[in-house]
Amino acid sequence: MLRFTFRPAGLLLALVALPVLAVAQVTPTPTRVDGYGTPTTTAPRLNNPSNNGETEVNILSSYYSQDGNRGAVEGGIGTQQLTDFTPTIILNVPLDSVTRLSANLGMDYYASASTDRIDQVLSTPSSSDVRYHLDLGLSRQLADKRTIVGVGGGFSAEYDYLSFNVSGSWARASRDGNRELSVAGQVFFDQVTVIRPVELRATPLPEGGTTRQSYNLSIVYSQVLSQRLQASVSTELVAQNGLLSTPFHRVYFRETGGELGTARTELLPRQRLKYPVGLRLNYYATDLVQLRGYYRFYNDNFGIRAHTFELEAPVKVTPFFVLYPFYRYHTQTAADYFAPYLRHSVADQYYTSDYDLADFSANKFGLGLRYAPVYGLGRFKTPFGGRVAKFKALDIRYAYYRQSTGLTANLISADLSFTLP
């Protein structure tokens, strides 16, 4: 999750690191719980490039578990049981007083009863998979001390998917630091190895090839409205072209029934445009309590319209210990090409029974805690030249998710922050 801050350089470097944080939103993953992205984990704190004295290391991990009975692999009626474990290391290295290098290295290991049904037999090779990813970013603060530019790139790979991305960003703060405009662009180049249900493997490959390109443009304008109130307006325009269907998703038709062998693989248009707009408000109610609100309107040419509301309320229990309960509500309309099991007609041009594209509402709530003593939690020597590292902060977060389709999920994540002189 990319948290918004109003420190001018913090958000700028966050934009440089967009390839690090956003790959999962473009490549297919089994852990989509919102209809348009993956469940979030604890985010690293991205810092000011001018703070060149320390190398920062964030060790992140999360465990995600879901269950439901609307699996797209079996045409909208199968199991959605899945577990996902995601260890990640994020480095933020100062090269000099104005230049920083960021690196994100991690993996996702998932075990899925849903994808196991590609072959209609349990315990097949498709029951689990590992995704590896590496992303690099370089940011530089210009001579005016108010502008930061950056570039980035990386890749993501798993058994049936390979993705490369490049990015660039620009951001400029006002002289008084109360206003900021940030612009970032990304391009993803994806290659899919088509894996179809066992009974459909003799059918022709998808027309138009098995590649996909995604073009993202993110624009954020932030403003300090008063001593206690801060706001930002953002959009992330996305244009996708290529294979947008998932080849191992089955669709069953009312004319042919639900017998094995009568299905077709999911078929969606090869172009998609997404245009969301978001508003974020941070209000410092007291010295001990802060309210963070967020609203997002989402629309695309698949026919989905969505509204998302989020509220987080960090409470400072002690000067170093913060509890932050949070709540999120999401509702969306169905895509024009969605229909449940046995509701599609064989005359339909496009068809899917993937409930990520269905009409549903969802609630997500949980609690996080952050402990960050001023002198850190501890110090230890590293094997790299005997340097002394500081265990700076610990962030733990739990979330429960429930969708009106019956899907439920639990997510536990942790962020361990370290610094090296």
Foldseek 3Di string as FASTA:
>chain_A
DDDDDLQQQQVQVVLLCCVVVCPQQPDDDLADDFLRGHDDFDDDRRDHLQPQPWKKKKWKKKKKWKWAQQQLLQAGGHISTKIKIKIKMKIWHHPDNFKIKIKIWIKMKMAGPRQCCLAPDHPDPRRIKMKIKMKMKMKGQDPVNFKIKMKMKIWMDMDFKIKIKIKIKMKGADPVSFKIKIKMKMKMKMFGRADARPLCPVPDDDPPHGIKMKIKMKIKMKGDPDPFKIKMKMKIKMKMFADPFRRSGWHAALVVDSDPNRTHGFFDDRIKIKIKMKMWMWGCPDPFKIKIKMWMWIDMPQGKTKIKIKIWMWGHPDPFKIKIKMKMKMWMAAGPAEDGHRHDHPPDPGHGPDCSRHGKMKMKIWMKMKGFDPQAPDWDFDPPVRWIKGFGMKMWIWMWMAMPSGMIMIMIMMMTMMITD
